[in-house]
Amino acid sequence: HGGAAIGADGVIYTSSGPRVLALNPDGTVLWEYLTELRNVFSSPAIGADGTVYFGCWNGNLYAVNGATGLEKWKLPVGAIVISSPAVGPDGTLYIGSDDHGLHAVSKDGVERWKFLARNSIESSPAVAADGTIYFGSNDRSIYAINPDGSKKWQVETLSTVASSPAIDIDGTIYVG
């Protein structure tokens, strides 16, 4: 399902079905978090304080303590979440959903704003050094969104965009 994230201490965070696992570098299980029996397709993201964030097929964005695996909070974001969260420079989380929304959520689990595309967002957002958020949508567009939730620009493509953007060192955006 989702990919993996590696913490500064070498702990590996990954998902398997409805579970998110924390694995020690030697492969032993540190902890296991079970969602409400819905699959996790989202790759985990790790906040500066070690919190592990991930979305779930059940429409929730989760925050789990990276050391203990205990839930800090969960936030319904409207619909199925396949997108992986991105953590901005100020700790704001950005995640797409099948509700057509790119959600901006504080590290405390409060939704700050939602930008609506014309179709679902399966693409995982990428955040540039200046705070601009880039993502693709099933509406056949690539978007650049300002940190306040306003649209910077939108480029139409010939097909849906489910792949996640990558930003190189000079700020060039690459999307498959």
N, C-alpha and C. Protein backbone atom coordinates (compact mmCIF):
# COMPACT_ATOMS: atom_id res chain seq x y z
N HIS A 1 0.85 -1.18 0.00
CA HIS A 1 0.00 0.00 0.00
C HIS A 1 0.89 1.23 0.00
N GLY A 2 0.88 2.00 1.09
CA GLY A 2 1.69 3.21 1.13
C GLY A 2 3.17 2.89 1.23
N GLY A 3 3.97 3.89 1.06
CA GLY A 3 5.41 3.74 1.19
C GLY A 3 5.84 3.82 2.64
N ALA A 4 7.10 4.06 2.84
CA ALA A 4 7.65 4.11 4.19
C ALA A 4 8.27 5.47 4.44
N ALA A 5 8.40 5.81 5.71
CA ALA A 5 9.13 7.01 6.15
C ALA A 5 10.11 6.56 7.22
N ILE A 6 11.26 7.18 7.25
CA ILE A 6 12.28 6.81 8.23
C ILE A 6 12.56 8.00 9.13
N GLY A 7 12.43 7.78 10.44
CA GLY A 7 12.66 8.83 11.42
C GLY A 7 14.15 9.09 11.63
N ALA A 8 14.46 10.18 12.29
CA ALA A 8 15.85 10.56 12.58
C ALA A 8 16.56 9.48 13.40
N ASP A 9 15.80 8.72 14.18
CA ASP A 9 16.38 7.65 15.00
C ASP A 9 16.47 6.31 14.27
N GLY A 10 16.11 6.30 12.97
CA GLY A 10 16.18 5.07 12.19
C GLY A 10 14.93 4.22 12.22
N VAL A 11 13.92 4.62 13.00
CA VAL A 11 12.67 3.87 13.05
C VAL A 11 11.96 4.02 11.70
N ILE A 12 11.43 2.91 11.19
CA ILE A 12 10.75 2.88 9.90
C ILE A 12 9.24 2.83 10.15
N TYR A 13 8.50 3.74 9.51
CA TYR A 13 7.05 3.79 9.64
C TYR A 13 6.46 3.39 8.30
N THR A 14 5.54 2.42 8.31
CA THR A 14 4.94 1.95 7.07
C THR A 14 3.54 1.43 7.37
N SER A 15 2.80 1.11 6.31
CA SER A 15 1.44 0.60 6.50
C SER A 15 1.31 -0.78 5.88
N SER A 16 0.35 -1.53 6.42
CA SER A 16 0.00 -2.85 5.90
C SER A 16 -1.48 -3.05 6.16
N GLY A 17 -2.28 -2.97 5.11
CA GLY A 17 -3.73 -3.07 5.28
C GLY A 17 -4.24 -1.96 6.18
N PRO A 18 -4.97 -2.31 7.24
CA PRO A 18 -5.51 -1.29 8.14
C PRO A 18 -4.55 -0.89 9.27
N ARG A 19 -3.28 -1.28 9.16
CA ARG A 19 -2.32 -1.03 10.23
C ARG A 19 -1.21 -0.09 9.77
N VAL A 20 -0.74 0.71 10.71
CA VAL A 20 0.50 1.46 10.54
C VAL A 20 1.48 0.88 11.54
N LEU A 21 2.68 0.58 11.08
CA LEU A 21 3.69 -0.08 11.91
C LEU A 21 4.90 0.82 12.09
N ALA A 22 5.49 0.74 13.26
CA ALA A 22 6.80 1.34 13.52
C ALA A 22 7.76 0.18 13.72
N LEU A 23 8.79 0.13 12.88
CA LEU A 23 9.76 -0.96 12.94
C LEU A 23 11.12 -0.42 13.36
N ASN A 24 11.74 -1.09 14.31
CA ASN A 24 13.11 -0.76 14.69
C ASN A 24 14.03 -1.04 13.49
N PRO A 25 15.21 -0.43 13.46
CA PRO A 25 16.13 -0.68 12.35
C PRO A 25 16.47 -2.16 12.14
N ASP A 26 16.36 -2.99 13.20
CA ASP A 26 16.63 -4.43 13.05
C ASP A 26 15.41 -5.21 12.57
N GLY A 27 14.28 -4.51 12.29
CA GLY A 27 13.08 -5.14 11.75
C GLY A 27 12.06 -5.57 12.78
N THR A 28 12.37 -5.48 14.07
CA THR A 28 11.39 -5.83 15.09
C THR A 28 10.34 -4.73 15.20
N VAL A 29 9.13 -5.12 15.58
CA VAL A 29 8.02 -4.19 15.68
C VAL A 29 8.12 -3.38 16.97
N LEU A 30 8.14 -2.06 16.83
CA LEU A 30 8.14 -1.16 17.98
C LEU A 30 6.71 -0.96 18.46
N TRP A 31 5.82 -0.66 17.52
CA TRP A 31 4.39 -0.56 17.82
C TRP A 31 3.58 -0.74 16.55
N GLU A 32 2.27 -0.97 16.76
CA GLU A 32 1.33 -1.17 15.66
C GLU A 32 0.08 -0.38 15.99
N TYR A 33 -0.40 0.42 15.03
CA TYR A 33 -1.64 1.19 15.21
C TYR A 33 -2.67 0.63 14.24
N LEU A 34 -3.85 0.27 14.75
CA LEU A 34 -4.91 -0.29 13.93
C LEU A 34 -5.99 0.77 13.69
N THR A 35 -6.26 1.07 12.41
CA THR A 35 -7.36 1.99 12.08
C THR A 35 -8.67 1.24 12.23
N GLU A 36 -9.76 1.88 11.90
CA GLU A 36 -11.08 1.27 12.01
C GLU A 36 -11.30 0.26 10.88
N LEU A 37 -10.35 -0.65 10.72
CA LEU A 37 -10.40 -1.73 9.74
C LEU A 37 -10.57 -1.24 8.31
N ARG A 38 -9.99 -0.10 7.99
CA ARG A 38 -9.96 0.40 6.62
C ARG A 38 -8.50 0.55 6.22
N ASN A 39 -8.21 0.27 4.97
CA ASN A 39 -6.83 0.26 4.51
C ASN A 39 -6.19 1.64 4.49
N VAL A 40 -4.90 1.63 4.75
CA VAL A 40 -4.08 2.84 4.71
C VAL A 40 -3.24 2.78 3.44
N PHE A 41 -3.57 3.62 2.46
CA PHE A 41 -2.81 3.71 1.23
C PHE A 41 -1.81 4.85 1.28
N SER A 42 -1.98 5.72 2.22
CA SER A 42 -1.15 6.90 2.42
C SER A 42 0.20 6.51 3.02
N SER A 43 1.26 7.12 2.51
CA SER A 43 2.57 6.94 3.15
C SER A 43 2.64 7.87 4.36
N PRO A 44 3.25 7.45 5.45
CA PRO A 44 3.34 8.31 6.62
C PRO A 44 4.27 9.51 6.37
N ALA A 45 4.00 10.58 7.07
CA ALA A 45 4.89 11.74 7.12
C ALA A 45 5.24 11.96 8.58
N ILE A 46 6.44 12.45 8.83
CA ILE A 46 6.91 12.63 10.20
C ILE A 46 7.09 14.12 10.47
N GLY A 47 6.45 14.61 11.52
CA GLY A 47 6.58 16.01 11.92
C GLY A 47 7.88 16.24 12.67
N ALA A 48 8.22 17.51 12.87
CA ALA A 48 9.46 17.88 13.56
C ALA A 48 9.52 17.31 14.98
N ASP A 49 8.35 17.13 15.62
CA ASP A 49 8.32 16.61 16.99
C ASP A 49 8.23 15.08 17.03
N GLY A 50 8.31 14.42 15.86
CA GLY A 50 8.26 12.96 15.81
C GLY A 50 6.86 12.39 15.63
N THR A 51 5.85 13.25 15.53
CA THR A 51 4.49 12.76 15.29
C THR A 51 4.42 12.15 13.89
N VAL A 52 3.71 11.04 13.78
CA VAL A 52 3.52 10.35 12.50
C VAL A 52 2.11 10.67 12.01
N TYR A 53 2.02 11.17 10.78
CA TYR A 53 0.74 11.55 10.17
C TYR A 53 0.47 10.66 8.97
N PHE A 54 -0.80 10.26 8.81
CA PHE A 54 -1.18 9.46 7.64
C PHE A 54 -2.68 9.57 7.42
N GLY A 55 -3.09 9.38 6.17
CA GLY A 55 -4.50 9.36 5.81
C GLY A 55 -4.96 7.93 5.66
N CYS A 56 -6.29 7.74 5.63
CA CYS A 56 -6.85 6.40 5.58
C CYS A 56 -8.06 6.37 4.65
N TRP A 57 -8.34 5.18 4.13
CA TRP A 57 -9.48 4.95 3.25
C TRP A 57 -10.79 5.36 3.94
N ASN A 58 -10.81 5.38 5.28
CA ASN A 58 -12.02 5.75 6.02
C ASN A 58 -12.27 7.25 6.05
N GLY A 59 -11.41 8.05 5.40
CA GLY A 59 -11.62 9.49 5.31
C GLY A 59 -11.01 10.28 6.44
N ASN A 60 -10.17 9.67 7.26
CA ASN A 60 -9.55 10.38 8.38
C ASN A 60 -8.08 10.67 8.11
N LEU A 61 -7.63 11.77 8.67
CA LEU A 61 -6.21 12.08 8.79
C LEU A 61 -5.86 11.80 10.24
N TYR A 62 -4.79 11.02 10.46
CA TYR A 62 -4.39 10.61 11.81
C TYR A 62 -3.08 11.25 12.21
N ALA A 63 -2.94 11.49 13.51
CA ALA A 63 -1.68 11.89 14.13
C ALA A 63 -1.42 10.90 15.26
N VAL A 64 -0.26 10.23 15.19
CA VAL A 64 0.10 9.20 16.16
C VAL A 64 1.46 9.54 16.75
N ASN A 65 1.60 9.37 18.04
CA ASN A 65 2.89 9.61 18.70
C ASN A 65 3.90 8.62 18.13
N GLY A 66 4.99 9.14 17.55
CA GLY A 66 5.98 8.28 16.90
C GLY A 66 6.73 7.36 17.84
N ALA A 67 6.83 7.71 19.12
CA ALA A 67 7.55 6.88 20.08
C ALA A 67 6.68 5.77 20.66
N THR A 68 5.38 6.05 20.85
CA THR A 68 4.51 5.10 21.55
C THR A 68 3.44 4.46 20.67
N GLY A 69 3.10 5.09 19.54
CA GLY A 69 2.02 4.59 18.70
C GLY A 69 0.64 4.95 19.20
N LEU A 70 0.57 5.81 20.22
CA LEU A 70 -0.73 6.23 20.74
C LEU A 70 -1.29 7.36 19.89
N GLU A 71 -2.60 7.28 19.62
CA GLU A 71 -3.27 8.30 18.81
C GLU A 71 -3.28 9.63 19.54
N LYS A 72 -2.87 10.69 18.83
CA LYS A 72 -2.96 12.05 19.36
C LYS A 72 -4.30 12.66 18.96
N TRP A 73 -4.67 12.47 17.69
CA TRP A 73 -5.94 12.95 17.19
C TRP A 73 -6.23 12.32 15.83
N LYS A 74 -7.49 12.40 15.42
CA LYS A 74 -7.87 12.05 14.05
C LYS A 74 -8.90 13.07 13.60
N LEU A 75 -8.83 13.40 12.32
CA LEU A 75 -9.69 14.43 11.76
C LEU A 75 -10.36 13.90 10.50
N PRO A 76 -11.71 13.88 10.46
CA PRO A 76 -12.37 13.51 9.21
C PRO A 76 -12.14 14.61 8.17
N VAL A 77 -11.70 14.18 6.98
CA VAL A 77 -11.45 15.17 5.92
C VAL A 77 -12.41 15.02 4.74
N GLY A 78 -13.55 14.39 4.97
CA GLY A 78 -14.62 14.43 3.99
C GLY A 78 -14.82 13.20 3.13
N ALA A 79 -13.76 12.48 2.81
CA ALA A 79 -13.90 11.33 1.91
C ALA A 79 -12.63 10.50 1.96
N ILE A 80 -12.59 9.46 1.15
CA ILE A 80 -11.44 8.56 1.05
C ILE A 80 -10.14 9.35 0.90
N VAL A 81 -9.09 8.91 1.60
CA VAL A 81 -7.78 9.54 1.50
C VAL A 81 -6.79 8.51 0.97
N ILE A 82 -6.27 8.77 -0.23
CA ILE A 82 -5.19 7.97 -0.80
C ILE A 82 -3.90 8.77 -0.75
N SER A 83 -4.03 10.08 -0.82
CA SER A 83 -2.91 11.01 -0.77
C SER A 83 -2.12 10.86 0.52
N SER A 84 -0.84 11.09 0.43
CA SER A 84 0.00 11.11 1.63
C SER A 84 0.13 12.55 2.10
N PRO A 85 0.22 12.78 3.41
CA PRO A 85 0.35 14.14 3.89
C PRO A 85 1.75 14.70 3.63
N ALA A 86 1.81 16.01 3.47
CA ALA A 86 3.08 16.73 3.40
C ALA A 86 3.09 17.70 4.57
N VAL A 87 4.25 17.88 5.17
CA VAL A 87 4.39 18.79 6.30
C VAL A 87 5.10 20.04 5.81
N GLY A 88 4.45 21.20 5.99
CA GLY A 88 5.02 22.47 5.57
C GLY A 88 6.05 22.98 6.56
N PRO A 89 6.77 24.05 6.18
CA PRO A 89 7.83 24.60 7.03
C PRO A 89 7.36 25.01 8.42
N ASP A 90 6.08 25.42 8.54
CA ASP A 90 5.55 25.84 9.84
C ASP A 90 4.83 24.72 10.58
N GLY A 91 4.91 23.48 10.05
CA GLY A 91 4.25 22.34 10.69
C GLY A 91 2.85 22.07 10.18
N THR A 92 2.32 22.93 9.30
CA THR A 92 0.99 22.69 8.73
C THR A 92 1.03 21.44 7.86
N LEU A 93 -0.02 20.62 7.96
CA LEU A 93 -0.15 19.41 7.16
C LEU A 93 -1.02 19.70 5.96
N TYR A 94 -0.66 19.12 4.82
CA TYR A 94 -1.45 19.26 3.61
C TYR A 94 -1.75 17.86 3.09
N ILE A 95 -3.04 17.60 2.80
CA ILE A 95 -3.43 16.27 2.31
C ILE A 95 -4.63 16.41 1.39
N GLY A 96 -4.63 15.61 0.32
CA GLY A 96 -5.74 15.59 -0.62
C GLY A 96 -6.74 14.52 -0.25
N SER A 97 -7.97 14.66 -0.79
CA SER A 97 -9.03 13.72 -0.48
C SER A 97 -9.95 13.55 -1.68
N ASP A 98 -10.75 12.50 -1.66
CA ASP A 98 -11.73 12.30 -2.72
C ASP A 98 -12.90 13.28 -2.62
N ASP A 99 -12.92 14.14 -1.62
CA ASP A 99 -13.95 15.19 -1.54
C ASP A 99 -13.57 16.38 -2.42
N HIS A 100 -12.51 16.22 -3.24
CA HIS A 100 -11.98 17.24 -4.16
C HIS A 100 -11.15 18.29 -3.42
N GLY A 101 -10.92 18.10 -2.13
CA GLY A 101 -10.26 19.11 -1.34
C GLY A 101 -8.80 18.83 -1.04
N LEU A 102 -8.01 19.91 -1.08
CA LEU A 102 -6.69 19.90 -0.47
C LEU A 102 -6.89 20.54 0.89
N HIS A 103 -6.64 19.78 1.93
CA HIS A 103 -6.89 20.24 3.30
C HIS A 103 -5.59 20.71 3.94
N ALA A 104 -5.65 21.88 4.57
CA ALA A 104 -4.54 22.39 5.37
C ALA A 104 -4.95 22.24 6.83
N VAL A 105 -4.13 21.50 7.58
CA VAL A 105 -4.48 21.14 8.96
C VAL A 105 -3.32 21.51 9.88
N SER A 106 -3.63 22.13 11.02
CA SER A 106 -2.59 22.45 12.00
C SER A 106 -2.06 21.17 12.61
N LYS A 107 -0.87 21.24 13.20
CA LYS A 107 -0.30 20.05 13.84
C LYS A 107 -1.11 19.59 15.04
N ASP A 108 -2.08 20.43 15.47
CA ASP A 108 -2.98 20.08 16.56
C ASP A 108 -4.30 19.48 16.07
N GLY A 109 -4.43 19.29 14.74
CA GLY A 109 -5.62 18.65 14.20
C GLY A 109 -6.78 19.56 13.87
N VAL A 110 -6.53 20.85 13.70
CA VAL A 110 -7.58 21.81 13.36
C VAL A 110 -7.44 22.18 11.88
N GLU A 111 -8.53 22.01 11.13
CA GLU A 111 -8.47 22.38 9.72
C GLU A 111 -8.39 23.89 9.59
N ARG A 112 -7.37 24.38 8.86
CA ARG A 112 -7.17 25.81 8.65
C ARG A 112 -7.93 26.30 7.43
N TRP A 113 -7.85 25.53 6.34
CA TRP A 113 -8.58 25.87 5.13
C TRP A 113 -8.67 24.64 4.24
N LYS A 114 -9.55 24.74 3.23
CA LYS A 114 -9.69 23.69 2.23
C LYS A 114 -9.79 24.35 0.87
N PHE A 115 -8.92 23.93 -0.06
CA PHE A 115 -8.99 24.40 -1.44
C PHE A 115 -9.68 23.31 -2.25
N LEU A 116 -10.69 23.70 -3.04
CA LEU A 116 -11.42 22.72 -3.83
C LEU A 116 -10.95 22.68 -5.27
N ALA A 117 -10.57 21.49 -5.73
CA ALA A 117 -10.32 21.23 -7.15
C ALA A 117 -11.66 20.77 -7.75
N ARG A 118 -11.67 20.42 -9.03
CA ARG A 118 -12.91 20.00 -9.68
C ARG A 118 -13.13 18.50 -9.61
N ASN A 119 -12.16 17.76 -9.04
CA ASN A 119 -12.30 16.31 -8.92
C ASN A 119 -11.39 15.86 -7.76
N SER A 120 -11.38 14.57 -7.50
CA SER A 120 -10.63 14.04 -6.36
C SER A 120 -9.13 14.29 -6.48
N ILE A 121 -8.47 14.30 -5.32
CA ILE A 121 -7.03 14.52 -5.25
C ILE A 121 -6.40 13.28 -4.64
N GLU A 122 -5.77 12.48 -5.50
CA GLU A 122 -5.04 11.29 -5.05
C GLU A 122 -3.56 11.58 -4.98
N SER A 123 -3.12 12.61 -5.67
CA SER A 123 -1.73 13.04 -5.69
C SER A 123 -1.34 13.52 -4.29
N SER A 124 -0.16 13.15 -3.86
CA SER A 124 0.35 13.66 -2.59
C SER A 124 0.97 15.03 -2.83
N PRO A 125 0.66 16.01 -2.01
CA PRO A 125 1.22 17.34 -2.23
C PRO A 125 2.71 17.40 -1.93
N ALA A 126 3.35 18.39 -2.52
CA ALA A 126 4.75 18.71 -2.24
C ALA A 126 4.78 20.18 -1.85
N VAL A 127 5.59 20.51 -0.85
CA VAL A 127 5.67 21.88 -0.36
C VAL A 127 7.05 22.44 -0.66
N ALA A 128 7.07 23.57 -1.37
CA ALA A 128 8.34 24.23 -1.72
C ALA A 128 8.86 25.04 -0.54
N ALA A 129 10.11 25.46 -0.64
CA ALA A 129 10.76 26.24 0.43
C ALA A 129 10.00 27.52 0.73
N ASP A 130 9.34 28.11 -0.28
CA ASP A 130 8.58 29.35 -0.05
C ASP A 130 7.17 29.09 0.48
N GLY A 131 6.83 27.80 0.72
CA GLY A 131 5.53 27.45 1.27
C GLY A 131 4.48 27.12 0.23
N THR A 132 4.77 27.29 -1.06
CA THR A 132 3.81 26.94 -2.10
C THR A 132 3.57 25.44 -2.09
N ILE A 133 2.29 25.06 -2.22
CA ILE A 133 1.90 23.66 -2.20
C ILE A 133 1.54 23.26 -3.63
N TYR A 134 2.15 22.18 -4.13
CA TYR A 134 1.89 21.68 -5.47
C TYR A 134 1.23 20.31 -5.39
N PHE A 135 0.23 20.06 -6.25
CA PHE A 135 -0.41 18.75 -6.31
C PHE A 135 -1.13 18.60 -7.64
N GLY A 136 -1.43 17.36 -7.98
CA GLY A 136 -2.22 17.06 -9.16
C GLY A 136 -3.61 16.62 -8.75
N SER A 137 -4.54 16.65 -9.71
CA SER A 137 -5.91 16.25 -9.43
C SER A 137 -6.45 15.38 -10.56
N ASN A 138 -7.48 14.63 -10.24
CA ASN A 138 -8.17 13.85 -11.26
C ASN A 138 -8.98 14.74 -12.19
N ASP A 139 -8.98 16.05 -11.97
CA ASP A 139 -9.64 16.98 -12.89
C ASP A 139 -8.72 17.38 -14.05
N ARG A 140 -7.59 16.67 -14.17
CA ARG A 140 -6.63 16.88 -15.26
C ARG A 140 -5.89 18.21 -15.12
N SER A 141 -5.51 18.50 -13.89
CA SER A 141 -4.79 19.74 -13.62
C SER A 141 -3.68 19.52 -12.61
N ILE A 142 -2.69 20.40 -12.69
CA ILE A 142 -1.65 20.54 -11.67
C ILE A 142 -1.87 21.92 -11.07
N TYR A 143 -1.83 21.98 -9.74
CA TYR A 143 -2.10 23.22 -9.02
C TYR A 143 -0.88 23.68 -8.23
N ALA A 144 -0.79 25.00 -8.08
CA ALA A 144 0.13 25.64 -7.14
C ALA A 144 -0.74 26.50 -6.23
N ILE A 145 -0.66 26.24 -4.93
CA ILE A 145 -1.51 26.92 -3.95
C ILE A 145 -0.62 27.68 -2.97
N ASN A 146 -1.00 28.91 -2.69
CA ASN A 146 -0.28 29.72 -1.70
C ASN A 146 -0.54 29.18 -0.30
N PRO A 147 0.34 29.47 0.66
CA PRO A 147 0.15 28.98 2.03
C PRO A 147 -1.15 29.43 2.69
N ASP A 148 -1.80 30.48 2.16
CA ASP A 148 -3.08 30.94 2.72
C ASP A 148 -4.28 30.24 2.08
N GLY A 149 -4.04 29.32 1.13
CA GLY A 149 -5.12 28.57 0.49
C GLY A 149 -5.60 29.16 -0.83
N SER A 150 -5.04 30.28 -1.25
CA SER A 150 -5.43 30.86 -2.53
C SER A 150 -4.65 30.22 -3.68
N LYS A 151 -5.28 30.19 -4.85
CA LYS A 151 -4.64 29.57 -6.00
C LYS A 151 -3.60 30.51 -6.59
N LYS A 152 -2.39 29.98 -6.77
CA LYS A 152 -1.30 30.71 -7.42
C LYS A 152 -1.39 30.52 -8.93
N TRP A 153 -1.50 29.25 -9.34
CA TRP A 153 -1.73 28.94 -10.75
C TRP A 153 -2.27 27.53 -10.88
N GLN A 154 -2.77 27.24 -12.09
CA GLN A 154 -3.30 25.93 -12.44
C GLN A 154 -2.92 25.66 -13.88
N VAL A 155 -2.43 24.45 -14.16
CA VAL A 155 -2.08 24.05 -15.52
C VAL A 155 -2.92 22.84 -15.89
N GLU A 156 -3.63 22.93 -17.00
CA GLU A 156 -4.43 21.81 -17.50
C GLU A 156 -3.51 20.78 -18.14
N THR A 157 -3.81 19.50 -17.95
CA THR A 157 -3.05 18.43 -18.57
C THR A 157 -3.99 17.61 -19.46
N LEU A 158 -3.48 16.60 -20.12
CA LEU A 158 -4.30 15.78 -21.01
C LEU A 158 -4.95 14.60 -20.31
N SER A 159 -4.56 14.36 -19.05
CA SER A 159 -5.08 13.21 -18.33
C SER A 159 -5.10 13.52 -16.83
N THR A 160 -5.72 12.62 -16.07
CA THR A 160 -5.74 12.79 -14.62
C THR A 160 -4.30 12.77 -14.09
N VAL A 161 -4.08 13.42 -12.96
CA VAL A 161 -2.75 13.50 -12.37
C VAL A 161 -2.82 12.90 -10.96
N ALA A 162 -2.43 11.63 -10.86
CA ALA A 162 -2.42 10.95 -9.57
C ALA A 162 -1.01 10.89 -8.99
N SER A 163 0.01 11.13 -9.84
CA SER A 163 1.38 11.08 -9.34
C SER A 163 1.67 12.31 -8.50
N SER A 164 2.67 12.20 -7.68
CA SER A 164 3.01 13.29 -6.76
C SER A 164 4.13 14.14 -7.34
N PRO A 165 4.05 15.46 -7.19
CA PRO A 165 5.10 16.32 -7.71
C PRO A 165 6.40 16.18 -6.92
N ALA A 166 7.49 16.42 -7.62
CA ALA A 166 8.81 16.50 -6.99
C ALA A 166 9.36 17.87 -7.32
N ILE A 167 10.05 18.47 -6.36
CA ILE A 167 10.62 19.80 -6.52
C ILE A 167 12.13 19.68 -6.44
N ASP A 168 12.83 20.13 -7.50
CA ASP A 168 14.28 20.04 -7.44
C ASP A 168 14.86 21.29 -6.76
N ILE A 169 16.16 21.29 -6.61
CA ILE A 169 16.85 22.33 -5.82
C ILE A 169 16.66 23.73 -6.39
N ASP A 170 16.44 23.83 -7.71
CA ASP A 170 16.24 25.16 -8.30
C ASP A 170 14.76 25.55 -8.37
N GLY A 171 13.87 24.70 -7.82
CA GLY A 171 12.45 25.03 -7.75
C GLY A 171 11.64 24.51 -8.91
N THR A 172 12.25 23.76 -9.83
CA THR A 172 11.50 23.17 -10.94
C THR A 172 10.61 22.06 -10.40
N ILE A 173 9.35 22.04 -10.89
CA ILE A 173 8.36 21.05 -10.46
C ILE A 173 8.29 19.96 -11.52
N TYR A 174 8.36 18.70 -11.08
CA TYR A 174 8.22 17.55 -11.98
C TYR A 174 7.02 16.74 -11.55
N VAL A 175 6.13 16.43 -12.53
CA VAL A 175 4.95 15.62 -12.26
C VAL A 175 4.81 14.62 -13.39
N GLY A 176 4.58 13.35 -13.06
CA GLY A 176 4.42 12.30 -14.07
C GLY A 176 3.00 12.23 -14.56
